[in-house]
Amino acid sequence: MSTDPSFKMSQDYELVAPQKKRAYPILVEEWLHLKDKIRAITDDANLYHTLGSVLLGVAGSALVAALTLDLPKSEQDTMAMPLIIAWFIFVTAVICGGLSLLFGGKQREIQSASTQDVIQQMELIEKRYAVDET
């Protein structure tokens, strides 16, 4: 075998030796149990979805009221105040309800991504030790 190195580095690097750290030994079965528990994490109480559904229900009621409200005609041929209020409630509730549902969907995606990040990190640790799932 030759004494020449098998690779060349174009920059000087200082390699730092890792320091000793404390670690907990864990059984493979416990590790797999933790992974299953993390995968099972769900967000059942998403406030944004609930609020969005309630607001869209209010919007539906306001729309029905605005379309079926029987008001006498005024002398000046202007819209009556209850009709204006019903349309205002409808538009406001539709906008707020739609945004709440949108935010609720985004929140669910973020929570799902965070659990997937933990699982990926655990799988990287498994690859380091070449652990077979049994």
Protein backbone atom coordinates (compact mmCIF):
# COMPACT_ATOMS: atom_id res chain seq x y z
CA MET A 1 0.00 0.00 0.00
CA SER A 2 1.29 3.47 -0.80
CA THR A 3 1.79 6.15 1.80
CA ASP A 4 0.04 8.79 -0.30
CA PRO A 5 -3.30 9.92 1.08
CA SER A 6 -6.36 8.73 -0.82
CA PHE A 7 -7.87 12.20 -0.97
CA LYS A 8 -6.72 15.81 -0.96
CA MET A 9 -8.30 18.78 0.79
CA SER A 10 -8.11 22.21 -0.76
CA GLN A 11 -8.68 24.01 2.54
CA ASP A 12 -7.29 23.47 5.99
CA TYR A 13 -9.84 22.12 8.43
CA GLU A 14 -9.44 21.63 12.12
CA LEU A 15 -11.23 18.50 13.22
CA VAL A 16 -12.73 18.71 16.67
CA ALA A 17 -13.17 15.54 18.68
CA PRO A 18 -16.67 15.04 20.11
CA GLN A 19 -17.06 15.48 23.83
CA LYS A 20 -18.44 12.81 26.07
CA LYS A 21 -22.15 13.18 26.74
CA ARG A 22 -24.63 11.40 28.89
CA ALA A 23 -27.15 9.09 27.23
CA TYR A 24 -30.10 6.98 28.24
CA PRO A 25 -30.17 3.38 27.07
CA ILE A 26 -33.58 2.51 25.67
CA LEU A 27 -34.99 -0.79 24.50
CA VAL A 28 -35.93 -1.14 20.83
CA GLU A 29 -39.51 -2.01 21.83
CA GLU A 30 -39.79 1.20 23.85
CA TRP A 31 -38.32 3.19 20.96
CA LEU A 32 -40.88 1.75 18.53
CA HIS A 33 -43.65 2.41 21.06
CA LEU A 34 -42.59 6.08 21.23
CA LYS A 35 -42.62 6.33 17.43
CA ASP A 36 -46.13 4.87 17.31
CA LYS A 37 -47.32 7.33 19.96
CA ILE A 38 -45.87 10.28 18.04
CA ARG A 39 -47.51 9.08 14.81
CA ALA A 40 -50.84 8.90 16.63
CA ILE A 41 -50.75 12.56 17.70
CA THR A 42 -53.71 14.41 16.22
CA ASP A 43 -55.32 17.75 16.83
CA ASP A 44 -58.94 16.99 17.60
CA ALA A 45 -59.76 20.37 19.09
CA ASN A 46 -58.99 22.77 16.26
CA LEU A 47 -60.59 26.03 17.36
CA TYR A 48 -60.29 27.62 13.93
CA HIS A 49 -62.37 24.92 12.21
CA THR A 50 -65.07 25.14 14.87
CA LEU A 51 -65.18 28.93 14.73
CA GLY A 52 -65.23 28.90 10.92
CA SER A 53 -68.13 26.46 10.86
CA VAL A 54 -70.12 28.57 13.34
CA LEU A 55 -69.47 31.75 11.37
CA LEU A 56 -70.53 30.13 8.10
CA GLY A 57 -73.72 28.99 9.84
CA VAL A 58 -74.35 32.58 10.95
CA ALA A 59 -73.70 33.72 7.37
CA GLY A 60 -76.24 31.23 6.06
CA SER A 61 -78.85 32.46 8.52
CA ALA A 62 -78.13 36.08 7.63
CA LEU A 63 -78.43 35.28 3.92
CA VAL A 64 -81.80 33.64 4.42
CA ALA A 65 -82.92 36.61 6.49
CA ALA A 66 -81.66 39.11 3.89
CA LEU A 67 -83.41 37.30 1.03
CA THR A 68 -86.72 36.63 2.75
CA LEU A 69 -87.04 39.69 5.00
CA ASP A 70 -90.40 41.28 4.20
CA LEU A 71 -90.09 44.97 4.89
CA PRO A 72 -92.50 47.69 3.84
CA LYS A 73 -91.20 50.12 1.24
CA SER A 74 -90.14 53.48 2.53
CA GLU A 75 -91.29 56.72 1.00
CA GLN A 76 -87.82 57.66 -0.23
CA ASP A 77 -87.26 54.29 -1.91
CA THR A 78 -84.19 53.45 0.22
CA MET A 79 -83.22 50.16 1.80
CA ALA A 80 -84.48 49.53 5.30
CA MET A 81 -81.90 49.33 8.10
CA PRO A 82 -82.67 45.67 9.06
CA LEU A 83 -81.94 44.61 5.48
CA ILE A 84 -78.62 46.47 5.47
CA ILE A 85 -77.69 44.86 8.78
CA ALA A 86 -78.57 41.38 7.48
CA TRP A 87 -76.37 41.83 4.40
CA PHE A 88 -73.54 43.25 6.51
CA ILE A 89 -73.68 40.25 8.87
CA PHE A 90 -73.72 37.89 5.89
CA VAL A 91 -70.65 39.41 4.20
CA THR A 92 -68.70 39.77 7.44
CA ALA A 93 -69.46 36.23 8.59
CA VAL A 94 -68.55 34.71 5.21
CA ILE A 95 -65.19 36.49 5.15
CA CYS A 96 -64.33 35.69 8.77
CA GLY A 97 -65.59 32.10 8.50
CA GLY A 98 -63.62 31.46 5.32
CA LEU A 99 -60.45 32.87 6.85
CA SER A 100 -60.95 30.79 10.00
CA LEU A 101 -61.27 27.62 7.95
CA LEU A 102 -58.17 28.58 5.96
CA PHE A 103 -56.15 29.20 9.14
CA GLY A 104 -57.44 25.96 10.62
CA GLY A 105 -56.19 24.02 7.60
CA LYS A 106 -52.79 25.70 7.81
CA GLN A 107 -52.57 24.95 11.54
CA ARG A 108 -53.33 21.28 10.91
CA GLU A 109 -50.59 21.12 8.25
CA ILE A 110 -48.05 22.67 10.62
CA GLN A 111 -48.89 20.25 13.43
CA SER A 112 -48.69 17.30 11.06
CA ALA A 113 -45.32 18.49 9.76
CA SER A 114 -43.90 18.86 13.28
CA THR A 115 -44.75 15.25 14.19
CA GLN A 116 -43.23 14.10 10.90
CA ASP A 117 -40.02 16.01 11.75
CA VAL A 118 -39.71 14.12 15.04
CA ILE A 119 -40.29 10.78 13.31
CA GLN A 120 -37.66 11.60 10.67
CA GLN A 121 -35.15 12.50 13.38
CA MET A 122 -35.85 9.23 15.16
CA GLU A 123 -35.35 7.32 11.91
CA LEU A 124 -32.00 9.07 11.39
CA ILE A 125 -30.93 7.88 14.82
CA GLU A 126 -32.05 4.37 13.90
CA LYS A 127 -29.96 4.45 10.73
CA ARG A 128 -26.93 5.47 12.78
CA TYR A 129 -27.23 2.26 14.78
CA ALA A 130 -28.57 0.13 11.93
CA VAL A 131 -31.57 -1.01 13.95
CA ASP A 132 -34.03 -3.39 12.29
CA GLU A 133 -37.70 -2.86 13.14
CA THR A 134 -38.82 -6.13 14.68
